[in-house]
């Protein structure tokens, strides 16, 4: 059985990697190819939209959590389940990523599965899983993301966290219709950025009780990348005054970037940030797995007086998965202080060896 699962996992990894090389990170495409596409003006409906949308090419349940341990140290946790459709109406591939970042080490793991076997999937009442990794909601709560439990790990790390929402769901772009390029590619995108987290993490050093703040992203689409876009830099920031900010830049081959974001007040009031409203400037890079990765950024949003430096808490947050990328917790200093998460994709390995 283990050998069969390893063979299946290898085939799924190859399929995902081949699609990523041809179409962008995690199988994202530039052509809808018969899949459903997001439409402006569509109202998201809950709890139904917490569940899967198999008519779309790609989808994810994406949780990041900044934590402080009972030992006084800073930690970060990632839990992600990706769904990718091979063809319209066809088989579904599932890919799970889990990570635990400490000040001196980054642990990561991946699981691969195929839909229809029971190994992986998502359904309502809210449950997303792959093997024994799971994200489960409380069906008795008014919104099933108001209370969740998340568990994952492998031989080197493990975590078990409970999350409680202390604010409303947030809809990015135009009521959840999030544009990704001047050409108009878009996704449906909403978040729960008001999660209070508590639980236990465990490494070879033993278990540590932790508390912190979580941010859950839900997104699905069929063609979120334009032909000339090669990757993105995505920031989710919790400021000390209770405000929050999501911002991303989608990089093109000529060095330009299409930006978007959302400014979120402590009571959940949002302001959509159109292209150009946010400036994302890399300041320093680190050599990570043969790539020059920007690990310190200047993030500016002049309309709210935001001018901050966002720095990786651990430069080595490389996700050595089927589709590799950088993802880790960051510290925020400047006009605002706080913590958050940064994801960076599309940075190619260099063949020279300086």
Protein backbone atom coordinates (compact mmCIF):
# COMPACT_ATOMS: atom_id res chain seq x y z
CA UNK A 1 0.00 0.00 0.00
CA UNK A 2 2.78 2.46 0.91
CA UNK A 3 4.59 1.73 -2.34
CA UNK A 4 1.39 2.22 -4.33
CA UNK A 5 0.72 5.54 -2.57
CA UNK A 6 4.30 6.64 -3.29
CA UNK A 7 3.87 5.84 -7.00
CA UNK A 8 0.54 7.69 -7.16
CA UNK A 9 2.07 10.61 -5.28
CA UNK A 10 4.95 10.75 -7.74
CA UNK A 11 2.57 10.82 -10.70
CA UNK A 12 0.49 13.59 -9.12
CA UNK A 13 3.60 15.59 -8.30
CA UNK A 14 4.78 15.27 -11.90
CA UNK A 15 1.39 16.37 -13.22
CA UNK A 16 1.34 19.41 -10.95
CA UNK A 17 4.94 20.33 -11.70
CA UNK A 18 4.41 20.04 -15.46
CA UNK A 19 1.30 22.21 -15.29
CA UNK A 20 3.11 24.75 -13.12
CA UNK A 21 5.98 25.06 -15.61
CA UNK A 22 3.54 25.55 -18.45
CA UNK A 23 0.85 27.61 -16.72
CA UNK A 24 2.16 29.24 -13.57
CA UNK A 25 2.26 28.49 -9.84
CA UNK A 26 0.06 25.63 -8.60
CA UNK A 27 -1.39 24.92 -12.04
CA UNK A 28 -2.84 28.40 -12.46
CA UNK A 29 -3.71 29.01 -16.08
CA UNK A 30 -3.86 31.91 -18.50
CA UNK A 31 -6.65 30.31 -20.54
CA UNK A 32 -9.94 29.17 -19.00
CA UNK A 33 -10.12 26.20 -21.41
CA UNK A 34 -13.81 25.46 -20.81
CA UNK A 35 -13.76 26.05 -17.06
CA UNK A 36 -16.14 28.44 -15.32
CA UNK A 37 -14.80 31.98 -14.87
CA UNK A 38 -15.63 34.55 -12.19
CA UNK A 39 -18.17 37.23 -13.11
CA UNK A 40 -18.34 40.69 -11.60
CA UNK A 41 -21.52 41.25 -9.59
CA UNK A 42 -21.86 37.66 -8.39
CA UNK A 43 -22.87 37.56 -4.73
CA UNK A 44 -21.01 35.05 -2.60
CA UNK A 45 -23.35 32.88 -0.52
CA UNK A 46 -22.54 31.21 2.79
CA UNK A 47 -22.01 28.63 4.01
CA UNK A 48 -22.09 27.21 0.44
CA UNK A 49 -19.04 29.16 -0.75
CA UNK A 50 -16.92 27.83 2.11
CA UNK A 51 -17.11 24.53 0.23
CA UNK A 52 -15.50 23.45 -3.08
CA UNK A 53 -16.15 24.85 -6.57
CA UNK A 54 -15.13 22.02 -8.94
CA UNK A 55 -16.23 23.89 -12.09
CA UNK A 56 -13.23 26.20 -11.63
CA UNK A 57 -9.65 25.18 -12.44
CA UNK A 58 -7.94 26.05 -9.12
CA UNK A 59 -9.01 26.71 -5.53
CA UNK A 60 -7.48 26.94 -2.07
CA UNK A 61 -8.16 27.03 1.66
CA UNK A 62 -5.12 28.93 2.92
CA UNK A 63 -4.35 29.61 6.59
CA UNK A 64 -1.36 31.48 8.02
CA UNK A 65 -0.89 32.14 11.74
CA UNK A 66 1.63 34.30 13.60
CA UNK A 67 2.21 32.88 17.08
CA UNK A 68 4.01 33.60 20.34
CA UNK A 69 5.04 30.64 22.48
CA UNK A 70 4.93 30.18 26.23
CA UNK A 71 8.72 30.15 25.89
CA UNK A 72 8.61 33.76 24.61
CA UNK A 73 9.68 32.88 21.07
CA UNK A 74 7.98 33.84 17.81
CA UNK A 75 6.56 31.13 15.55
CA UNK A 76 4.56 30.87 12.35
CA UNK A 77 2.22 28.20 10.98
CA UNK A 78 0.87 27.57 7.48
CA UNK A 79 -1.90 25.12 6.50
CA UNK A 80 -3.07 24.96 2.87
CA UNK A 81 -5.26 22.68 0.79
CA UNK A 82 -5.19 23.21 -2.97
CA UNK A 83 -7.73 21.75 -5.39
CA UNK A 84 -6.79 21.60 -9.08
CA UNK A 85 -9.03 20.26 -11.86
CA UNK A 86 -7.32 18.34 -14.66
CA UNK A 87 -10.08 19.16 -17.15
CA UNK A 88 -13.61 20.64 -17.10
CA UNK A 89 -15.81 18.06 -15.40
CA UNK A 90 -12.79 15.81 -14.94
CA UNK A 91 -10.62 14.48 -12.11
CA UNK A 92 -9.61 16.67 -9.20
CA UNK A 93 -6.09 16.72 -7.79
CA UNK A 94 -5.54 17.74 -4.16
CA UNK A 95 -2.32 19.07 -2.67
CA UNK A 96 -1.75 19.88 1.00
CA UNK A 97 1.05 22.05 2.37
CA UNK A 98 1.92 22.45 6.04
CA UNK A 99 4.74 24.44 7.62
CA UNK A 100 6.02 25.48 11.02
CA UNK A 101 8.57 28.29 11.24
CA UNK A 102 10.75 28.84 14.32
CA UNK A 103 13.38 31.58 14.72
CA UNK A 104 16.08 29.16 13.58
CA UNK A 105 14.36 26.55 11.40
CA UNK A 106 11.62 26.15 8.81
CA UNK A 107 9.77 22.82 8.71
CA UNK A 108 7.56 21.99 5.73
CA UNK A 109 5.64 19.01 4.39
CA UNK A 110 3.43 18.11 1.42
CA UNK A 111 0.65 15.63 0.79
CA UNK A 112 -0.82 14.73 -2.62
CA UNK A 113 -4.11 13.02 -3.37
CA UNK A 114 -6.74 12.38 -6.00
CA UNK A 115 -10.41 13.25 -5.66
CA UNK A 116 -13.06 10.56 -5.32
CA UNK A 117 -10.94 8.22 -3.20
CA UNK A 118 -11.71 9.68 0.23
CA UNK A 119 -8.06 10.53 0.79
CA UNK A 120 -8.58 14.28 0.30
CA UNK A 121 -11.37 16.74 -0.30
CA UNK A 122 -13.59 19.50 1.06
CA UNK A 123 -17.26 19.52 1.99
CA UNK A 124 -19.93 21.11 4.17
CA UNK A 125 -20.35 21.31 7.12
CA UNK A 126 -16.92 22.86 6.72
CA UNK A 127 -14.24 20.21 6.50
CA UNK A 128 -11.12 20.27 4.34
CA UNK A 129 -8.65 17.41 4.64
CA UNK A 130 -5.88 15.38 3.10
CA UNK A 131 -4.92 12.18 4.91
CA UNK A 132 -4.89 13.03 8.65
CA UNK A 133 -4.37 16.76 8.08
CA UNK A 134 -7.61 18.63 8.58
CA UNK A 135 -9.38 21.95 8.92
CA UNK A 136 -12.83 21.58 10.46
CA UNK A 137 -15.43 24.21 11.32
CA UNK A 138 -18.20 24.24 13.88
CA UNK A 139 -21.51 23.55 12.08
CA UNK A 140 -23.42 24.98 15.06
CA UNK A 141 -21.93 28.46 14.62
CA UNK A 142 -23.71 31.14 12.51
CA UNK A 143 -20.75 31.10 10.13
CA UNK A 144 -18.78 27.87 9.97
CA UNK A 145 -15.51 29.83 9.91
CA UNK A 146 -16.32 31.44 13.27
CA UNK A 147 -14.66 28.50 15.03
CA UNK A 148 -12.20 26.02 13.49
CA UNK A 149 -9.62 23.44 14.42
CA UNK A 150 -6.51 22.83 12.28
CA UNK A 151 -4.10 19.91 12.58
CA UNK A 152 -1.09 18.80 10.52
CA UNK A 153 2.49 17.63 10.78
CA UNK A 154 5.04 14.97 9.98
CA UNK A 155 7.97 13.26 11.70
CA UNK A 156 9.75 16.55 12.50
CA UNK A 157 6.92 18.90 13.50
CA UNK A 158 3.26 18.98 14.41
CA UNK A 159 0.60 21.49 15.40
CA UNK A 160 -2.95 21.49 16.71
CA UNK A 161 -4.63 24.90 16.80
CA UNK A 162 -8.10 26.18 17.61
CA UNK A 163 -9.22 29.42 15.98
CA UNK A 164 -12.04 31.79 16.92
CA UNK A 165 -13.19 34.64 14.68
CA UNK A 166 -13.37 38.07 16.34
CA UNK A 167 -14.57 39.98 13.28
CA UNK A 168 -16.45 39.56 9.99
CA UNK A 169 -15.50 37.95 6.69
CA UNK A 170 -13.69 40.35 4.33
CA UNK A 171 -14.36 40.55 0.59
CA UNK A 172 -11.52 41.72 -1.64
CA UNK A 173 -11.82 43.78 -4.81
CA UNK A 174 -15.42 44.41 -5.84
CA UNK A 175 -17.45 42.42 -3.27
CA UNK A 176 -15.13 39.43 -3.67
CA UNK A 177 -14.38 39.84 -7.40
CA UNK A 178 -10.60 40.36 -7.36
CA UNK A 179 -8.94 41.58 -10.57
CA UNK A 180 -5.41 40.30 -11.20
CA UNK A 181 -4.26 42.15 -14.33
CA UNK A 182 -4.96 45.04 -16.67
CA UNK A 183 -6.34 42.44 -19.09
CA UNK A 184 -9.07 41.61 -16.56
CA UNK A 185 -8.20 38.13 -15.26
CA UNK A 186 -9.91 37.71 -11.91
CA UNK A 187 -10.73 35.39 -9.03
CA UNK A 188 -13.32 35.16 -6.30
CA UNK A 189 -11.44 36.07 -3.13
CA UNK A 190 -12.50 36.52 0.48
CA UNK A 191 -10.76 36.18 3.84
CA UNK A 192 -11.27 35.73 7.55
CA UNK A 193 -8.41 37.89 8.95
CA UNK A 194 -9.76 38.23 12.51
CA UNK A 195 -8.85 34.79 13.85
CA UNK A 196 -7.59 34.40 17.40
CA UNK A 197 -5.47 31.24 17.69
CA UNK A 198 -4.44 29.02 20.59
CA UNK A 199 -2.99 25.53 20.76
CA UNK A 200 0.20 23.51 20.76
CA UNK A 201 3.12 23.19 18.38
CA UNK A 202 5.69 20.43 18.62
CA UNK A 203 9.23 19.89 17.30
CA UNK A 204 12.15 17.74 18.45
CA UNK A 205 12.55 20.24 21.31
CA UNK A 206 9.14 19.22 22.64
CA UNK A 207 5.66 20.76 22.80
CA UNK A 208 5.07 24.49 23.27
CA UNK A 209 1.77 26.20 24.02
CA UNK A 210 1.13 29.09 21.63
CA UNK A 211 -1.30 31.94 21.02
CA UNK A 212 -1.58 34.39 18.15
CA UNK A 213 -3.47 35.74 15.15
CA UNK A 214 -4.61 33.88 12.05
CA UNK A 215 -5.61 34.83 8.52
CA UNK A 216 -7.61 32.44 6.34
CA UNK A 217 -7.83 33.07 2.58
CA UNK A 218 -10.40 31.47 0.28
CA UNK A 219 -9.89 31.90 -3.46
CA UNK A 220 -10.95 30.16 -6.67
CA UNK A 221 -10.59 30.93 -10.36
CA UNK A 222 -9.69 29.50 -13.74
CA UNK A 223 -7.34 32.08 -15.29
CA UNK A 224 -5.97 34.51 -12.69
CA UNK A 225 -2.64 35.09 -14.48
CA UNK A 226 -2.10 37.13 -17.63
CA UNK A 227 0.21 35.81 -20.36
CA UNK A 228 3.14 38.03 -19.31
CA UNK A 229 2.87 37.48 -15.53
CA UNK A 230 5.48 35.25 -13.89
CA UNK A 231 4.73 35.30 -10.15
CA UNK A 232 3.50 37.27 -7.19
CA UNK A 233 4.40 38.77 -3.82
CA UNK A 234 1.52 38.62 -1.31
CA UNK A 235 1.39 40.30 2.11
CA UNK A 236 -1.12 39.85 4.96
CA UNK A 237 -0.28 42.26 7.78
CA UNK A 238 -1.72 42.62 11.30
CA UNK A 239 -0.91 46.08 12.70
CA UNK A 240 -0.71 46.77 16.42
CA UNK A 241 -3.62 49.24 16.33
CA UNK A 242 -6.02 46.54 15.12
CA UNK A 243 -6.03 47.48 11.45
CA UNK A 244 -5.10 44.90 8.84
CA UNK A 245 -3.89 45.10 5.29
CA UNK A 246 -3.69 42.66 2.40
CA UNK A 247 -1.59 43.63 -0.61
CA UNK A 248 -0.12 41.79 -3.57
CA UNK A 249 1.95 42.54 -6.61
CA UNK A 250 1.79 40.34 -9.72
CA UNK A 251 5.13 40.62 -11.52
CA UNK A 252 5.49 40.62 -15.31
CA UNK A 253 8.44 39.62 -17.47
CA UNK A 254 9.40 43.25 -18.14
CA UNK A 255 9.84 44.06 -14.46
CA UNK A 256 6.48 45.75 -13.93
CA UNK A 257 3.87 44.81 -11.34
CA UNK A 258 0.07 44.91 -11.11
CA UNK A 259 -0.90 45.67 -7.51
CA UNK A 260 -4.07 45.32 -5.50
CA UNK A 261 -5.06 45.12 -1.88
CA UNK A 262 -7.54 45.77 0.90
CA UNK A 263 -7.36 48.11 3.89
CA UNK A 264 -9.31 46.68 6.85
CA UNK A 265 -10.27 48.71 9.92
CA UNK A 266 -10.66 47.03 13.35
CA UNK A 267 -14.45 46.84 12.88
CA UNK A 268 -14.14 45.18 9.46
CA UNK A 269 -14.79 48.21 7.23
CA UNK A 270 -12.83 47.79 4.00
CA UNK A 271 -11.27 50.00 1.36
CA UNK A 272 -10.25 48.38 -1.94
CA UNK A 273 -6.77 49.41 -3.11
CA UNK A 274 -6.64 49.66 -6.93
CA UNK A 275 -3.57 49.13 -9.06
CA UNK A 276 -0.87 51.61 -8.00
CA UNK A 277 -2.36 52.53 -4.61
CA UNK A 278 0.24 50.37 -2.83
CA UNK A 279 3.98 50.44 -3.51
CA UNK A 280 5.94 47.24 -2.88
CA UNK A 281 9.72 47.73 -3.07
CA UNK A 282 12.24 44.95 -2.36
CA UNK A 283 15.13 46.17 -0.19
CA UNK A 284 17.35 43.15 0.54
CA UNK A 285 17.64 39.61 -0.79
CA UNK A 286 18.88 36.34 0.68
CA UNK A 287 20.22 33.35 -1.19
CA UNK A 288 17.65 30.61 -0.59
CA UNK A 289 17.78 27.27 -2.41
CA UNK A 290 19.72 28.76 -5.33
CA UNK A 291 17.41 31.75 -5.69
CA UNK A 292 17.73 35.40 -4.74
CA UNK A 293 14.65 35.94 -2.59
CA UNK A 294 13.59 39.42 -1.38
CA UNK A 295 13.38 38.99 2.40
CA UNK A 296 13.03 42.68 3.33
CA UNK A 297 10.49 45.01 1.69
CA UNK A 298 9.27 48.57 1.90
CA UNK A 299 5.46 48.64 1.80
CA UNK A 300 3.77 52.01 1.28
CA UNK A 301 0.11 53.00 1.27
CA UNK A 302 0.21 56.83 1.33
CA UNK A 303 -3.57 57.31 1.72
CA UNK A 304 -3.36 55.84 5.24
CA UNK A 305 0.16 57.01 6.06
CA UNK A 306 1.60 53.51 5.83
CA UNK A 307 5.35 53.37 5.25
CA UNK A 308 6.75 50.21 6.78
CA UNK A 309 9.62 47.78 6.48
CA UNK A 310 8.50 44.16 6.29
CA UNK A 311 11.26 41.70 7.22
CA UNK A 312 11.35 37.90 7.22
CA UNK A 313 11.60 36.44 10.72
CA UNK A 314 13.53 33.53 9.18
CA UNK A 315 15.07 33.95 5.72
CA UNK A 316 15.00 30.21 5.00
CA UNK A 317 11.21 29.76 4.70
CA UNK A 318 11.43 27.77 1.48
CA UNK A 319 8.59 25.41 0.63
CA UNK A 320 10.42 22.58 -1.14
CA UNK A 321 7.18 21.19 -2.54
CA UNK A 322 6.03 20.02 -5.98
CA UNK A 323 5.56 23.68 -6.89
CA UNK A 324 8.24 25.46 -4.79
CA UNK A 325 7.83 28.93 -3.30
CA UNK A 326 8.78 31.07 -0.28
CA UNK A 327 6.28 31.51 2.57
CA UNK A 328 6.92 32.70 6.10
CA UNK A 329 6.15 35.06 9.00
CA UNK A 330 7.35 38.66 8.86
CA UNK A 331 7.90 41.53 11.30
CA UNK A 332 6.57 45.01 10.52
CA UNK A 333 8.29 48.24 11.63
CA UNK A 334 7.93 51.90 10.69
CA UNK A 335 4.80 54.02 10.61
CA UNK A 336 2.94 50.92 11.84
CA UNK A 337 4.22 47.92 13.78
CA UNK A 338 3.03 44.34 13.87
CA UNK A 339 3.48 40.93 12.28
CA UNK A 340 2.16 39.11 9.27
CA UNK A 341 2.89 36.66 6.47
CA UNK A 342 4.60 36.94 3.10
CA UNK A 343 4.29 34.58 0.14
CA UNK A 344 6.53 34.89 -2.93
CA UNK A 345 6.28 32.78 -6.08
CA UNK A 346 7.96 32.63 -9.48
CA UNK A 347 11.57 33.33 -8.42
CA UNK A 348 13.71 31.20 -10.70
CA UNK A 349 16.78 29.27 -9.68
CA UNK A 350 20.04 30.84 -10.84
CA UNK A 351 22.52 28.70 -12.71
CA UNK A 352 25.56 30.84 -11.79
CA UNK A 353 27.26 30.41 -8.43
CA UNK A 354 28.46 33.78 -7.13
